[in-house]
């Protein structure tokens, strides 16, 4: 015999272990409002403009193409080929604005790797993680670009 519970929002009867559709909709609306608030009052406007600029879009696409749209970090760590979703600044633009378009400071990553790297930077010594990312790029270039596969 199934067990039912009441939705805390609309008080409809729902099956235990499920979520009421009205609660899902409510949570989505709350998240959207939080994001809107963050964008309006907390996000760095200068950085937002930069990431929307044509110069960044072109540089980002160039870097991803140079590394064959692969997540270089995963390839270095495991040898597996994973598609990159974005390009990460090894030295953040908040620390050195002049390196924002420096190709040697950019590494293509998947969203999962990007989150892992940021978590590691909070936990571990940030400079060691940055050094490791630079090593990832050099090792990738040794294996692929030197052999003529990724020459541009």
C-alpha atoms as a PDB file:
ATOM      1  CA  UNK A   1       0.000   0.000   0.000  1.00  0.00           C
ATOM      2  CA  UNK A   2       1.542   3.347  -1.052  1.00  0.00           C
ATOM      3  CA  UNK A   3       2.275   6.011   1.543  1.00  0.00           C
ATOM      4  CA  UNK A   4       1.141   9.553   0.884  1.00  0.00           C
ATOM      5  CA  UNK A   5       2.080  12.929   2.336  1.00  0.00           C
ATOM      6  CA  UNK A   6       0.816  16.505   1.962  1.00  0.00           C
ATOM      7  CA  UNK A   7       2.628  19.146  -0.077  1.00  0.00           C
ATOM      8  CA  UNK A   8       3.763  21.895   2.335  1.00  0.00           C
ATOM      9  CA  UNK A   9       2.890  24.561  -0.240  1.00  0.00           C
ATOM     10  CA  UNK A  10      -0.458  23.604  -1.847  1.00  0.00           C
ATOM     11  CA  UNK A  11      -1.501  20.799   0.558  1.00  0.00           C
ATOM     12  CA  UNK A  12      -2.288  18.345  -2.221  1.00  0.00           C
ATOM     13  CA  UNK A  13      -1.845  14.666  -1.486  1.00  0.00           C
ATOM     14  CA  UNK A  14       1.354  13.314  -3.126  1.00  0.00           C
ATOM     15  CA  UNK A  15       3.171  10.006  -3.066  1.00  0.00           C
ATOM     16  CA  UNK A  16       5.949   9.708  -0.456  1.00  0.00           C
ATOM     17  CA  UNK A  17       9.393  10.239  -2.006  1.00  0.00           C
ATOM     18  CA  UNK A  18       8.121  12.506  -4.804  1.00  0.00           C
ATOM     19  CA  UNK A  19       8.028  16.278  -5.122  1.00  0.00           C
ATOM     20  CA  UNK A  20       4.890  18.239  -5.870  1.00  0.00           C
ATOM     21  CA  UNK A  21       5.016  20.098  -9.218  1.00  0.00           C
ATOM     22  CA  UNK A  22       4.009  23.359  -7.513  1.00  0.00           C
ATOM     23  CA  UNK A  23       7.072  23.099  -5.235  1.00  0.00           C
ATOM     24  CA  UNK A  24       9.387  22.477  -8.199  1.00  0.00           C
ATOM     25  CA  UNK A  25       7.979  25.542  -9.968  1.00  0.00           C
ATOM     26  CA  UNK A  26       8.338  27.625  -6.795  1.00  0.00           C
ATOM     27  CA  UNK A  27      12.002  26.625  -6.374  1.00  0.00           C
ATOM     28  CA  UNK A  28      12.770  27.498 -10.003  1.00  0.00           C
ATOM     29  CA  UNK A  29      11.223  30.940  -9.545  1.00  0.00           C
ATOM     30  CA  UNK A  30      13.244  31.505  -6.359  1.00  0.00           C
ATOM     31  CA  UNK A  31      16.491  30.523  -8.090  1.00  0.00           C
ATOM     32  CA  UNK A  32      15.740  32.810 -11.026  1.00  0.00           C
ATOM     33  CA  UNK A  33      15.125  35.702  -8.628  1.00  0.00           C
ATOM     34  CA  UNK A  34      18.390  34.993  -6.748  1.00  0.00           C
ATOM     35  CA  UNK A  35      20.341  34.962 -10.020  1.00  0.00           C
ATOM     36  CA  UNK A  36      18.709  38.207 -11.103  1.00  0.00           C
ATOM     37  CA  UNK A  37      19.631  39.824  -7.792  1.00  0.00           C
ATOM     38  CA  UNK A  38      23.217  38.567  -8.035  1.00  0.00           C
ATOM     39  CA  UNK A  39      23.586  39.898 -11.589  1.00  0.00           C
ATOM     40  CA  UNK A  40      22.132  43.275 -10.667  1.00  0.00           C
ATOM     41  CA  UNK A  41      23.892  44.034  -7.388  1.00  0.00           C
ATOM     42  CA  UNK A  42      26.914  41.776  -6.854  1.00  0.00           C
ATOM     43  CA  UNK A  43      28.446  40.657 -10.150  1.00  0.00           C
ATOM     44  CA  UNK A  44      31.513  42.577 -11.334  1.00  0.00           C
ATOM     45  CA  UNK A  45      30.281  44.686 -14.268  1.00  0.00           C
ATOM     46  CA  UNK A  46      33.739  45.086 -15.817  1.00  0.00           C
ATOM     47  CA  UNK A  47      34.252  41.302 -15.926  1.00  0.00           C
ATOM     48  CA  UNK A  48      30.755  40.727 -17.325  1.00  0.00           C
ATOM     49  CA  UNK A  49      31.393  43.183 -20.155  1.00  0.00           C
ATOM     50  CA  UNK A  50      34.720  41.511 -20.893  1.00  0.00           C
ATOM     51  CA  UNK A  51      33.236  37.999 -21.088  1.00  0.00           C
ATOM     52  CA  UNK A  52      30.594  39.280 -23.518  1.00  0.00           C
ATOM     53  CA  UNK A  53      33.153  41.079 -25.711  1.00  0.00           C
ATOM     54  CA  UNK A  54      34.083  40.033 -29.221  1.00  0.00           C
ATOM     55  CA  UNK A  55      37.777  39.899 -28.236  1.00  0.00           C
ATOM     56  CA  UNK A  56      37.052  37.298 -25.530  1.00  0.00           C
ATOM     57  CA  UNK A  57      34.778  35.240 -27.792  1.00  0.00           C
ATOM     58  CA  UNK A  58      37.437  35.110 -30.510  1.00  0.00           C
ATOM     59  CA  UNK A  59      40.268  34.310 -28.068  1.00  0.00           C
ATOM     60  CA  UNK A  60      38.193  31.643 -26.346  1.00  0.00           C
ATOM     61  CA  UNK A  61      37.314  29.987 -29.665  1.00  0.00           C
ATOM     62  CA  UNK A  62      40.961  30.133 -30.775  1.00  0.00           C
ATOM     63  CA  UNK A  63      42.167  28.449 -27.573  1.00  0.00           C
ATOM     64  CA  UNK A  64      39.532  25.721 -27.756  1.00  0.00           C
ATOM     65  CA  UNK A  65      40.409  25.056 -31.404  1.00  0.00           C
ATOM     66  CA  UNK A  66      44.149  25.007 -30.632  1.00  0.00           C
ATOM     67  CA  UNK A  67      43.577  22.250 -28.087  1.00  0.00           C
ATOM     68  CA  UNK A  68      41.123  20.416 -30.356  1.00  0.00           C
ATOM     69  CA  UNK A  69      38.093  21.231 -28.168  1.00  0.00           C
ATOM     70  CA  UNK A  70      39.400  18.840 -25.503  1.00  0.00           C
ATOM     71  CA  UNK A  71      39.507  19.229 -21.733  1.00  0.00           C
ATOM     72  CA  UNK A  72      43.292  19.402 -21.328  1.00  0.00           C
ATOM     73  CA  UNK A  73      43.136  18.841 -17.547  1.00  0.00           C
ATOM     74  CA  UNK A  74      41.241  15.534 -17.840  1.00  0.00           C
ATOM     75  CA  UNK A  75      43.488  14.409 -20.672  1.00  0.00           C
ATOM     76  CA  UNK A  76      46.584  15.160 -18.572  1.00  0.00           C
ATOM     77  CA  UNK A  77      45.188  13.426 -15.468  1.00  0.00           C
ATOM     78  CA  UNK A  78      43.530  10.349 -16.981  1.00  0.00           C
ATOM     79  CA  UNK A  79      44.389  10.189 -20.671  1.00  0.00           C
ATOM     80  CA  UNK A  80      40.682  10.281 -21.557  1.00  0.00           C
ATOM     81  CA  UNK A  81      39.310  12.607 -24.200  1.00  0.00           C
ATOM     82  CA  UNK A  82      36.571  14.844 -22.817  1.00  0.00           C
ATOM     83  CA  UNK A  83      35.060  17.783 -24.733  1.00  0.00           C
ATOM     84  CA  UNK A  84      35.746  21.237 -23.327  1.00  0.00           C
ATOM     85  CA  UNK A  85      32.807  23.472 -22.439  1.00  0.00           C
ATOM     86  CA  UNK A  86      34.692  26.653 -21.671  1.00  0.00           C
ATOM     87  CA  UNK A  87      38.067  28.348 -21.308  1.00  0.00           C
ATOM     88  CA  UNK A  88      39.518  29.036 -17.860  1.00  0.00           C
ATOM     89  CA  UNK A  89      41.967  31.780 -16.830  1.00  0.00           C
ATOM     90  CA  UNK A  90      44.801  30.119 -14.907  1.00  0.00           C
ATOM     91  CA  UNK A  91      45.692  33.462 -13.324  1.00  0.00           C
ATOM     92  CA  UNK A  92      42.254  35.036 -12.720  1.00  0.00           C
ATOM     93  CA  UNK A  93      41.515  38.367 -14.350  1.00  0.00           C
ATOM     94  CA  UNK A  94      40.749  39.764 -10.906  1.00  0.00           C
ATOM     95  CA  UNK A  95      44.433  39.176 -10.032  1.00  0.00           C
ATOM     96  CA  UNK A  96      45.994  40.285 -13.328  1.00  0.00           C
ATOM     97  CA  UNK A  97      43.764  42.135 -15.789  1.00  0.00           C
ATOM     98  CA  UNK A  98      46.576  42.296 -18.382  1.00  0.00           C
ATOM     99  CA  UNK A  99      46.562  38.491 -18.803  1.00  0.00           C
ATOM    100  CA  UNK A 100      42.883  38.352 -19.760  1.00  0.00           C
ATOM    101  CA  UNK A 101      43.625  37.626 -23.453  1.00  0.00           C
ATOM    102  CA  UNK A 102      47.021  35.937 -22.978  1.00  0.00           C
ATOM    103  CA  UNK A 103      46.701  32.531 -24.673  1.00  0.00           C
ATOM    104  CA  UNK A 104      49.392  31.027 -22.411  1.00  0.00           C
ATOM    105  CA  UNK A 105      47.131  31.852 -19.419  1.00  0.00           C
ATOM    106  CA  UNK A 106      44.079  30.049 -20.849  1.00  0.00           C
ATOM    107  CA  UNK A 107      43.149  26.373 -20.624  1.00  0.00           C
ATOM    108  CA  UNK A 108      40.066  24.656 -22.109  1.00  0.00           C
ATOM    109  CA  UNK A 109      38.044  22.718 -19.511  1.00  0.00           C
ATOM    110  CA  UNK A 110      34.767  20.892 -19.068  1.00  0.00           C
ATOM    111  CA  UNK A 111      32.351  22.285 -16.496  1.00  0.00           C
ATOM    112  CA  UNK A 112      33.175  19.400 -14.165  1.00  0.00           C
ATOM    113  CA  UNK A 113      36.928  20.059 -14.326  1.00  0.00           C
ATOM    114  CA  UNK A 114      36.361  23.779 -13.867  1.00  0.00           C
ATOM    115  CA  UNK A 115      34.425  23.175 -10.652  1.00  0.00           C
ATOM    116  CA  UNK A 116      37.100  20.721  -9.440  1.00  0.00           C
ATOM    117  CA  UNK A 117      39.908  23.220 -10.092  1.00  0.00           C
ATOM    118  CA  UNK A 118      38.102  26.017  -8.234  1.00  0.00           C
ATOM    119  CA  UNK A 119      37.481  23.682  -5.299  1.00  0.00           C
ATOM    120  CA  UNK A 120      41.155  22.684  -5.275  1.00  0.00           C
ATOM    121  CA  UNK A 121      42.233  26.325  -5.362  1.00  0.00           C
ATOM    122  CA  UNK A 122      40.192  26.985  -2.224  1.00  0.00           C
ATOM    123  CA  UNK A 123      41.528  23.890  -0.417  1.00  0.00           C
ATOM    124  CA  UNK A 124      45.126  23.656  -1.602  1.00  0.00           C
ATOM    125  CA  UNK A 125      47.874  26.154  -2.349  1.00  0.00           C
ATOM    126  CA  UNK A 126      46.572  28.185  -5.281  1.00  0.00           C
ATOM    127  CA  UNK A 127      50.048  28.574  -6.827  1.00  0.00           C
ATOM    128  CA  UNK A 128      50.580  24.798  -6.941  1.00  0.00           C
ATOM    129  CA  UNK A 129      47.294  24.327  -8.800  1.00  0.00           C
ATOM    130  CA  UNK A 130      48.216  27.102 -11.258  1.00  0.00           C
ATOM    131  CA  UNK A 131      51.618  25.498 -11.811  1.00  0.00           C
ATOM    132  CA  UNK A 132      49.940  22.139 -12.466  1.00  0.00           C
ATOM    133  CA  UNK A 133      47.626  23.724 -15.054  1.00  0.00           C
ATOM    134  CA  UNK A 134      50.603  25.234 -16.878  1.00  0.00           C
ATOM    135  CA  UNK A 135      52.243  21.784 -16.850  1.00  0.00           C
ATOM    136  CA  UNK A 136      49.038  20.288 -18.322  1.00  0.00           C
ATOM    137  CA  UNK A 137      49.253  22.720 -21.235  1.00  0.00           C
ATOM    138  CA  UNK A 138      52.945  22.039 -21.868  1.00  0.00           C
ATOM    139  CA  UNK A 139      52.507  18.258 -21.748  1.00  0.00           C
ATOM    140  CA  UNK A 140      49.546  18.430 -24.120  1.00  0.00           C
ATOM    141  CA  UNK A 141      51.517  20.597 -26.538  1.00  0.00           C
ATOM    142  CA  UNK A 142      54.465  18.176 -26.405  1.00  0.00           C
ATOM    143  CA  UNK A 143      52.260  15.207 -27.310  1.00  0.00           C
ATOM    144  CA  UNK A 144      50.014  16.814 -29.900  1.00  0.00           C
ATOM    145  CA  UNK A 145      51.090  20.166 -31.232  1.00  0.00           C
ATOM    146  CA  UNK A 146      54.800  19.340 -31.654  1.00  0.00           C
ATOM    147  CA  UNK A 147      53.849  16.293 -33.697  1.00  0.00           C
ATOM    148  CA  UNK A 148      51.969  18.542 -36.123  1.00  0.00           C
ATOM    149  CA  UNK A 149      48.482  17.431 -35.109  1.00  0.00           C
ATOM    150  CA  UNK A 150      47.348  20.744 -33.659  1.00  0.00           C
ATOM    151  CA  UNK A 151      49.556  23.274 -35.467  1.00  0.00           C
ATOM    152  CA  UNK A 152      47.822  26.524 -36.275  1.00  0.00           C
END
